[in-house]
Amino acid sequence: MMQATPPLQSTTYDLDDVLEVNEFFQEKGWTDGLPIVPPTAERVAACLEAGGLSPGDVIGVEQVRQRPLIAEKVAVNAVMAGCHPEYMPVVVAILRAMVQESFNMHGSTASTGGSAQFIVVNGPIRTALGMNATHNVLANGNRANATIGRAVRLVLINLLGVVPGQLDRSTLGHPGKYTFCIAEDEEDSPWTPLAQLRGVPPGMSAITVLACEAPRQLMNEWTHDPEEILATFAAEMRHNMLTYSVWSGNYAMVIPKQLRELIVAAGWQKKDIQEFIFRHARLLRREWATVGKGNIVDRSGGPNQEFSALKEPADLLVVAAGGPAGGFGAIIPPWLGSKAKAVTQVID
């Protein structure tokens, strides 16, 4: 005889229609400001079933305040975000990665720096869910990309109290705090996928999540030389070190098809890119004088003190993604260097 699924424990509300549900949730402060899908018992149960979870299962525990992420509550927020049930294993993997101590969930979500979670999905689950890895990849237009990232934000708000002006002390924040989730373009790239480069066995699905600042778009359409192309990426990283945070950590580099094909044609692999950027994304303390920070040039190690964007080449997360036309790319800087490290997690 099959064992019955334990009943849901969440409070229920008797509301007339979707508009009333949305107004009620808005008034309670349970949303990110956008409309939500009413989390009915049937929809929540479907998400739990797809994730192989019982309502009371603990997905993880936030390290600082010891707040548990209960499966039923996570499923409620996944439904609210607009997730199909089959998205639930990806949401769960992201949260399991974020509760790891090295990710520093509390610091990165409460800081005045206003970081978001940049999520990269690898493996067969990308195509099974119809995720986007090409046109407009960092923005709108794909349900899986949009709602998976949004579910994580709603979990932070409703389970951990990461509410702007309360625990979330962001001075500015950035639009990635609504959702910031993409798939890697594994089909149109000969490079090793990000998850495999970070130790996940081939053929397995996984996510990588990074506490990050807003993406910085760049362009170079005037060369076929991979070193010149990558010098533009390195310059954007140095610019971030000058104007935002100098501390080394995980940077993400998103390389769309046009630039990627030129780098591939020259025989470069992701490790070659990592080593080039490690050597070139550096600056001297005296360069801060060029961006209005002359008052700190003589501190600490003095004007000739060198800083590197990366502690080691493998800290660079190279992601093949983006549309086919245009010599564009993006650098996604870390929130505060190695204070919050990227984490890769297999999707069950």
Protein backbone atom coordinates (compact mmCIF):
# COMPACT_ATOMS: atom_id res chain seq x y z
CA MET A 1 0.00 0.00 0.00
CA MET A 2 1.34 3.43 -0.91
CA GLN A 3 1.92 5.83 1.95
CA ALA A 4 -0.29 8.92 1.84
CA THR A 5 1.41 12.29 1.38
CA PRO A 6 1.27 14.32 4.62
CA PRO A 7 -1.24 17.17 4.47
CA LEU A 8 -0.13 20.74 3.85
CA GLN A 9 0.25 22.91 6.94
CA SER A 10 0.10 26.40 5.46
CA THR A 11 -2.74 28.73 6.40
CA THR A 12 -5.48 28.88 3.77
CA TYR A 13 -7.54 31.91 2.74
CA ASP A 14 -10.97 31.98 1.12
CA LEU A 15 -10.72 34.64 -1.60
CA ASP A 16 -13.05 35.18 -4.53
CA ASP A 17 -10.78 35.59 -7.55
CA VAL A 18 -7.24 36.06 -8.81
CA LEU A 19 -7.44 39.86 -8.52
CA GLU A 20 -8.49 39.63 -4.88
CA VAL A 21 -5.71 37.13 -4.19
CA ASN A 22 -3.15 39.49 -5.71
CA GLU A 23 -4.40 42.52 -3.78
CA PHE A 24 -4.37 40.51 -0.55
CA PHE A 25 -0.81 39.24 -1.12
CA GLN A 26 0.37 42.74 -2.07
CA GLU A 27 -1.10 44.18 1.12
CA LYS A 28 0.62 41.49 3.18
CA GLY A 29 3.99 42.24 1.56
CA TRP A 30 4.34 38.69 0.24
CA THR A 31 5.33 39.58 -3.31
CA ASP A 32 8.16 41.26 -5.19
CA GLY A 33 5.72 43.90 -6.44
CA LEU A 34 4.58 41.91 -9.47
CA PRO A 35 1.37 39.85 -9.73
CA ILE A 36 1.54 36.28 -8.47
CA VAL A 37 -0.13 32.96 -9.28
CA PRO A 38 -2.48 31.94 -6.44
CA PRO A 39 -0.76 29.09 -4.54
CA THR A 40 -3.65 26.64 -4.27
CA ALA A 41 -3.19 23.36 -2.39
CA GLU A 42 -3.30 21.44 -5.68
CA ARG A 43 -0.57 23.54 -7.29
CA VAL A 44 1.65 23.37 -4.22
CA ALA A 45 1.22 19.60 -3.97
CA ALA A 46 2.14 19.23 -7.65
CA CYS A 47 5.40 21.12 -7.09
CA LEU A 48 6.26 18.97 -4.07
CA GLU A 49 5.59 15.79 -6.04
CA ALA A 50 7.75 16.97 -8.94
CA GLY A 51 10.55 17.72 -6.49
CA GLY A 52 10.22 14.37 -4.73
CA LEU A 53 9.54 16.17 -1.45
CA SER A 54 7.21 15.88 1.51
CA PRO A 55 5.73 19.12 2.86
CA GLY A 56 7.83 19.10 6.01
CA ASP A 57 11.18 18.28 4.40
CA VAL A 58 13.96 20.77 5.16
CA ILE A 59 15.71 21.81 1.95
CA GLY A 60 18.39 23.68 3.86
CA VAL A 61 19.07 25.99 6.78
CA GLU A 62 20.26 29.60 6.48
CA GLN A 63 23.54 29.60 8.41
CA VAL A 64 23.47 32.86 10.38
CA ARG A 65 19.96 32.95 11.83
CA GLN A 66 19.34 29.21 11.52
CA ARG A 67 16.17 29.71 9.48
CA PRO A 68 14.97 26.45 7.82
CA LEU A 69 13.71 26.38 4.25
CA ILE A 70 10.70 24.08 4.51
CA ALA A 71 9.72 22.31 1.30
CA GLU A 72 6.03 23.25 1.49
CA LYS A 73 6.85 26.94 1.89
CA VAL A 74 9.35 26.80 -0.97
CA ALA A 75 6.71 25.17 -3.17
CA VAL A 76 4.21 27.91 -2.26
CA ASN A 77 6.66 30.54 -3.45
CA ALA A 78 7.52 28.58 -6.60
CA VAL A 79 3.82 28.52 -7.50
CA MET A 80 3.51 32.24 -6.74
CA ALA A 81 6.45 32.93 -9.06
CA GLY A 82 4.71 31.16 -11.93
CA CYS A 83 6.81 27.98 -11.96
CA HIS A 84 5.57 24.83 -13.62
CA PRO A 85 5.91 21.86 -11.20
CA GLU A 86 8.80 20.43 -13.21
CA TYR A 87 10.87 23.52 -12.39
CA MET A 88 10.89 22.61 -8.70
CA PRO A 89 14.07 20.45 -8.71
CA VAL A 90 16.01 23.40 -10.14
CA VAL A 91 14.67 25.78 -7.48
CA VAL A 92 15.59 23.25 -4.78
CA ALA A 93 19.14 22.84 -6.13
CA ILE A 94 19.64 26.62 -6.16
CA LEU A 95 18.53 26.95 -2.55
CA ARG A 96 20.70 24.02 -1.47
CA ALA A 97 23.67 25.81 -3.05
CA MET A 98 22.81 29.15 -1.45
CA VAL A 99 22.63 27.79 2.11
CA GLN A 100 26.21 26.55 1.89
CA GLU A 101 28.48 28.60 4.12
CA SER A 102 30.80 29.69 1.30
CA PHE A 103 27.91 31.37 -0.53
CA ASN A 104 27.21 33.68 2.45
CA MET A 105 23.48 33.95 1.91
CA HIS A 106 22.87 36.25 4.87
CA GLY A 107 25.63 38.74 4.05
CA SER A 108 24.95 38.91 0.34
CA THR A 109 21.18 39.37 0.73
CA ALA A 110 21.27 41.85 3.62
CA SER A 111 24.13 44.09 2.42
CA THR A 112 23.80 47.68 1.29
CA GLY A 113 25.62 46.47 -1.86
CA GLY A 114 22.33 45.10 -3.21
CA SER A 115 23.43 41.88 -4.84
CA ALA A 116 21.27 39.42 -6.77
CA GLN A 117 21.71 35.71 -7.47
CA PHE A 118 23.09 34.97 -10.94
CA ILE A 119 22.07 31.40 -11.81
CA VAL A 120 23.45 29.30 -14.65
CA VAL A 121 21.75 25.99 -15.49
CA ASN A 122 23.66 23.19 -17.22
CA GLY A 123 22.80 19.72 -18.46
CA PRO A 124 19.80 17.95 -20.01
CA ILE A 125 17.27 19.69 -17.77
CA ARG A 126 17.82 22.95 -19.72
CA THR A 127 16.24 21.58 -22.86
CA ALA A 128 13.63 19.53 -20.98
CA LEU A 129 12.35 22.77 -19.40
CA GLY A 130 12.75 24.83 -22.58
CA MET A 131 15.20 27.27 -21.00
CA ASN A 132 16.73 30.10 -23.00
CA ALA A 133 20.46 30.31 -23.68
CA THR A 134 20.48 32.58 -26.73
CA HIS A 135 18.49 35.68 -27.75
CA ASN A 136 18.07 38.26 -24.97
CA VAL A 137 19.50 35.70 -22.56
CA LEU A 138 20.01 38.08 -19.62
CA ALA A 139 16.53 39.54 -19.88
CA ASN A 140 12.84 38.76 -20.44
CA GLY A 141 10.97 36.32 -22.63
CA ASN A 142 11.36 32.80 -21.23
CA ARG A 143 9.07 31.37 -18.57
CA ALA A 144 11.52 28.90 -17.04
CA ASN A 145 14.38 31.40 -16.83
CA ALA A 146 12.11 34.08 -15.40
CA THR A 147 10.11 32.10 -12.88
CA ILE A 148 12.93 29.95 -11.48
CA GLY A 149 14.94 33.05 -10.62
CA ARG A 150 11.84 34.80 -9.32
CA ALA A 151 10.97 31.85 -7.06
CA VAL A 152 14.33 32.22 -5.33
CA ARG A 153 13.67 35.92 -4.67
CA LEU A 154 10.20 35.19 -3.25
CA VAL A 155 11.70 32.54 -0.95
CA LEU A 156 14.18 35.12 0.32
CA ILE A 157 11.37 37.60 0.96
CA ASN A 158 8.83 35.28 2.55
CA LEU A 159 10.94 32.67 4.35
CA LEU A 160 13.97 34.72 5.34
CA GLY A 161 12.54 38.23 5.67
CA VAL A 162 14.77 39.74 2.98
CA VAL A 163 12.46 42.71 2.57
CA PRO A 164 13.77 46.06 1.24
CA GLY A 165 14.19 48.52 4.08
CA GLN A 166 14.14 45.73 6.64
CA LEU A 167 16.70 42.91 6.42
CA ASP A 168 17.48 43.87 2.81
CA ARG A 169 19.46 47.09 3.25
CA SER A 170 20.27 47.62 -0.45
CA THR A 171 21.10 51.22 -1.29
CA LEU A 172 20.27 50.71 -4.98
CA GLY A 173 19.91 47.03 -5.80
CA HIS A 174 19.54 46.12 -9.48
CA PRO A 175 16.95 44.50 -11.77
CA GLY A 176 18.55 41.09 -11.36
CA LYS A 177 16.88 40.98 -7.96
CA TYR A 178 13.59 40.20 -9.73
CA THR A 179 15.15 37.27 -11.56
CA PHE A 180 18.59 36.49 -13.01
CA CYS A 181 18.61 32.93 -14.33
CA ILE A 182 19.95 31.60 -17.65
CA ALA A 183 20.91 28.36 -19.36
CA GLU A 184 24.29 27.81 -20.98
CA ASP A 185 24.30 27.32 -24.76
CA GLU A 186 25.89 23.87 -24.71
CA GLU A 187 24.54 22.82 -28.12
CA ASP A 188 26.23 25.64 -30.03
CA SER A 189 29.53 25.68 -28.16
CA PRO A 190 32.44 23.22 -28.25
CA TRP A 191 33.55 24.34 -24.81
CA THR A 192 33.20 22.32 -21.63
CA PRO A 193 29.97 23.42 -19.89
CA LEU A 194 30.38 25.45 -16.71
CA ALA A 195 29.08 22.71 -14.40
CA GLN A 196 31.51 20.14 -15.81
CA LEU A 197 34.37 22.63 -15.55
CA ARG A 198 33.48 22.86 -11.85
CA GLY A 199 33.51 19.11 -11.22
CA VAL A 200 30.03 17.85 -12.15
CA PRO A 201 30.18 14.57 -14.14
CA PRO A 202 29.24 14.84 -17.83
CA GLY A 203 25.57 14.27 -18.61
CA MET A 204 24.34 15.46 -15.23
CA SER A 205 22.25 18.59 -14.72
CA ALA A 206 23.44 21.21 -12.26
CA ILE A 207 23.21 24.87 -11.33
CA THR A 208 25.86 27.41 -10.44
CA VAL A 209 24.83 30.42 -8.37
CA LEU A 210 26.80 33.62 -7.69
CA ALA A 211 25.96 36.62 -5.50
CA CYS A 212 26.55 39.40 -8.00
CA GLU A 213 26.19 43.00 -8.98
CA ALA A 214 24.53 44.21 -12.19
CA PRO A 215 25.87 42.93 -15.54
CA ARG A 216 28.20 45.23 -17.45
CA GLN A 217 27.74 44.96 -21.22
CA LEU A 218 30.69 45.50 -23.56
CA MET A 219 31.35 45.42 -27.30
CA ASN A 220 34.30 44.76 -29.59
CA GLU A 221 33.57 44.30 -33.31
CA TRP A 222 36.89 45.53 -34.65
CA THR A 223 39.14 42.47 -34.36
CA HIS A 224 39.34 38.71 -34.84
CA ASP A 225 42.22 38.38 -32.39
CA PRO A 226 41.11 36.50 -29.23
CA GLU A 227 43.61 38.39 -27.10
CA GLU A 228 42.18 41.73 -28.23
CA ILE A 229 38.62 40.51 -27.67
CA LEU A 230 39.44 39.29 -24.18
CA ALA A 231 41.38 42.47 -23.41
CA THR A 232 38.02 44.26 -23.67
CA PHE A 233 36.52 41.89 -21.10
CA ALA A 234 39.55 42.37 -18.83
CA ALA A 235 39.19 46.16 -19.15
CA GLU A 236 35.59 45.94 -17.95
CA MET A 237 36.72 43.91 -14.95
CA ARG A 238 39.40 46.49 -14.15
CA HIS A 239 36.78 49.20 -14.44
CA ASN A 240 34.67 47.39 -11.87
CA MET A 241 37.72 47.17 -9.60
CA LEU A 242 38.23 50.92 -9.95
CA THR A 243 34.66 52.09 -9.52
CA TYR A 244 33.02 49.44 -7.32
CA SER A 245 35.01 46.74 -5.50
CA VAL A 246 38.67 45.86 -5.87
CA TRP A 247 38.45 42.55 -4.02
CA SER A 248 39.15 39.40 -6.02
CA GLY A 249 36.48 36.73 -6.34
CA ASN A 250 34.28 34.90 -8.81
CA TYR A 251 33.50 36.97 -11.89
CA ALA A 252 31.15 35.60 -14.55
CA MET A 253 31.91 36.20 -18.23
CA VAL A 254 29.07 35.69 -20.70
CA ILE A 255 30.30 35.23 -24.28
CA PRO A 256 27.67 35.20 -27.08
CA LYS A 257 28.09 33.43 -30.40
CA GLN A 258 29.79 36.08 -32.57
CA LEU A 259 32.72 36.69 -30.26
CA ARG A 260 32.74 33.07 -29.10
CA GLU A 261 33.21 31.76 -32.65
CA LEU A 262 36.26 33.98 -33.16
CA ILE A 263 37.82 32.74 -29.92
CA VAL A 264 36.99 29.12 -30.78
CA ALA A 265 38.44 29.51 -34.30
CA ALA A 266 41.75 30.48 -32.72
CA GLY A 267 41.76 27.23 -30.77
CA TRP A 268 41.08 28.72 -27.36
CA GLN A 269 39.30 26.74 -24.63
CA LYS A 270 37.72 28.08 -21.45
CA LYS A 271 40.91 27.42 -19.48
CA ASP A 272 42.89 29.56 -21.93
CA ILE A 273 40.40 32.38 -21.36
CA GLN A 274 40.65 31.99 -17.59
CA GLU A 275 44.45 32.15 -17.67
CA PHE A 276 44.48 35.22 -19.96
CA ILE A 277 42.00 37.10 -17.77
CA PHE A 278 43.90 36.13 -14.61
CA ARG A 279 47.02 37.75 -16.05
CA HIS A 280 45.35 40.89 -17.44
CA ALA A 281 42.50 41.81 -15.07
CA ARG A 282 44.79 43.62 -12.63
CA LEU A 283 45.40 47.18 -11.50
CA LEU A 284 47.69 49.22 -9.27
CA ARG A 285 46.38 51.20 -6.32
CA ARG A 286 47.58 54.46 -7.89
CA GLU A 287 45.02 54.05 -10.71
CA TRP A 288 42.26 54.94 -8.25
CA ALA A 289 43.37 58.55 -8.57
CA THR A 290 41.95 58.54 -12.11
CA VAL A 291 38.40 57.85 -10.85
CA GLY A 292 38.17 60.28 -7.95
CA LYS A 293 39.61 57.99 -5.27
CA GLY A 294 42.95 59.69 -4.84
CA ASN A 295 42.52 59.85 -1.07
CA ILE A 296 43.13 56.11 -0.72
CA VAL A 297 46.12 55.78 -3.08
CA ASP A 298 48.69 56.06 -0.29
CA ARG A 299 47.00 53.67 2.11
CA SER A 300 47.92 50.06 2.90
CA GLY A 301 50.47 48.79 0.32
CA GLY A 302 50.96 52.19 -1.30
CA PRO A 303 50.55 53.41 -4.91
CA ASN A 304 52.21 50.38 -6.51
CA GLN A 305 50.21 47.75 -4.66
CA GLU A 306 48.75 45.35 -7.23
CA PHE A 307 45.26 43.88 -7.13
CA SER A 308 43.94 41.02 -9.24
CA ALA A 309 40.28 40.46 -10.12
CA LEU A 310 40.79 36.72 -9.65
CA LYS A 311 42.62 34.83 -6.92
CA GLU A 312 43.24 32.04 -9.42
CA PRO A 313 42.22 31.42 -13.05
CA ALA A 314 39.49 28.94 -12.13
CA ASP A 315 37.62 31.71 -10.26
CA LEU A 316 36.38 33.00 -13.63
CA LEU A 317 32.99 31.54 -14.60
CA VAL A 318 33.02 31.42 -18.41
CA VAL A 319 29.51 30.96 -19.81
CA ALA A 320 28.61 30.43 -23.48
CA ALA A 321 25.29 32.22 -23.92
CA GLY A 322 23.59 34.99 -25.89
CA GLY A 323 22.18 35.66 -29.33
CA PRO A 324 24.05 35.03 -32.60
CA ALA A 325 24.57 38.58 -33.85
CA GLY A 326 26.72 41.41 -32.52
CA GLY A 327 30.16 41.62 -30.96
CA PHE A 328 28.75 41.89 -27.45
CA GLY A 329 29.61 40.28 -24.16
CA ALA A 330 29.02 40.80 -20.48
CA ILE A 331 30.95 40.79 -17.25
CA ILE A 332 28.99 40.01 -14.09
CA PRO A 333 30.99 41.13 -11.04
CA PRO A 334 30.86 39.50 -7.63
CA TRP A 335 29.06 41.21 -4.76
CA LEU A 336 32.13 41.53 -2.52
CA GLY A 337 35.02 39.47 -3.82
CA SER A 338 35.50 36.15 -2.06
CA LYS A 339 33.14 37.12 0.78
CA ALA A 340 30.55 35.09 -1.18
CA LYS A 341 31.79 32.35 -3.48
CA ALA A 342 30.01 30.77 -6.43
CA VAL A 343 28.55 27.37 -5.62
CA THR A 344 27.71 24.57 -8.04
CA GLN A 345 25.03 22.03 -7.10
CA VAL A 346 23.80 18.91 -8.89
CA ILE A 347 20.05 18.86 -9.62
CA ASP A 348 18.42 15.74 -8.18
